[in-house]
Protein backbone atom coordinates (compact mmCIF):
# COMPACT_ATOMS: atom_id res chain seq x y z
CA MET A 1 130.05 125.71 67.88
CA GLN A 2 128.84 124.66 71.36
CA GLU A 3 125.97 127.08 70.99
CA ILE A 4 124.64 125.32 67.84
CA GLU A 5 124.92 122.14 69.46
CA ARG A 6 123.31 123.33 72.44
CA PHE A 7 120.45 124.87 70.31
CA PHE A 8 119.77 121.62 68.30
CA GLY A 9 120.02 119.69 71.51
CA ASN A 10 117.20 121.84 73.13
CA LEU A 11 115.32 121.83 70.00
CA PHE A 12 115.15 117.95 69.72
CA SER A 13 114.56 117.71 73.24
CA SER A 14 111.42 120.00 73.22
CA VAL A 15 110.13 118.09 70.09
CA ILE A 16 110.64 114.64 71.74
CA ASN A 17 108.96 115.89 75.03
CA ARG A 18 106.10 117.26 72.88
CA PHE A 19 105.45 113.99 71.39
CA LYS A 20 105.85 112.17 74.63
CA TYR A 21 103.41 114.26 76.30
CA SER A 22 101.06 114.33 73.41
CA ALA A 23 101.09 110.40 73.48
CA MET A 24 100.55 110.51 77.26
CA ASP A 25 97.39 112.84 76.82
CA THR A 26 95.91 110.72 73.96
CA ALA A 27 96.27 107.49 76.23
CA GLU A 28 94.79 109.20 79.19
CA ARG A 29 91.89 110.67 77.03
CA LYS A 30 91.29 107.06 75.43
CA MET A 31 91.27 105.63 79.14
CA ARG A 32 88.60 108.04 80.17
CA GLU A 33 86.34 107.48 77.27
CA THR A 34 86.63 103.74 77.86
CA ILE A 35 85.61 104.24 81.58
CA ASP A 36 82.91 106.56 80.61
CA GLU A 37 81.62 104.00 78.00
CA GLN A 38 81.69 101.06 80.59
CA ILE A 39 79.89 103.34 83.19
CA GLU A 40 77.25 104.17 80.51
CA GLN A 41 76.71 100.60 79.54
CA ARG A 42 76.27 99.91 83.30
CA ARG A 43 73.59 102.43 83.64
CA GLN A 44 71.80 101.21 80.64
CA LYS A 45 71.70 97.50 82.25
CA PRO A 46 70.35 98.15 85.66
CA LYS A 47 69.64 95.21 87.96
CA PRO A 48 65.95 94.76 88.63
CA LYS A 49 66.68 95.20 92.42
CA ASP A 50 68.44 98.54 91.61
CA GLN A 51 65.53 99.87 89.45
CA GLU A 52 63.16 99.21 92.27
CA ASP A 53 65.59 101.01 94.77
CA ARG A 54 65.58 104.05 92.41
CA GLU A 55 61.60 104.41 92.12
């Protein structure tokens, strides 16, 4: 009986951990995408002074 309880306990624990880490990965990916979008927007709108410095 204890083996069955241990088996299901481990099974549920691993499923919960998988969902938790999957959610964390999704949040991290979304955060990186948002940062990349903000960087790209800033590159598209350079200040005139910055543009002169680059040329």
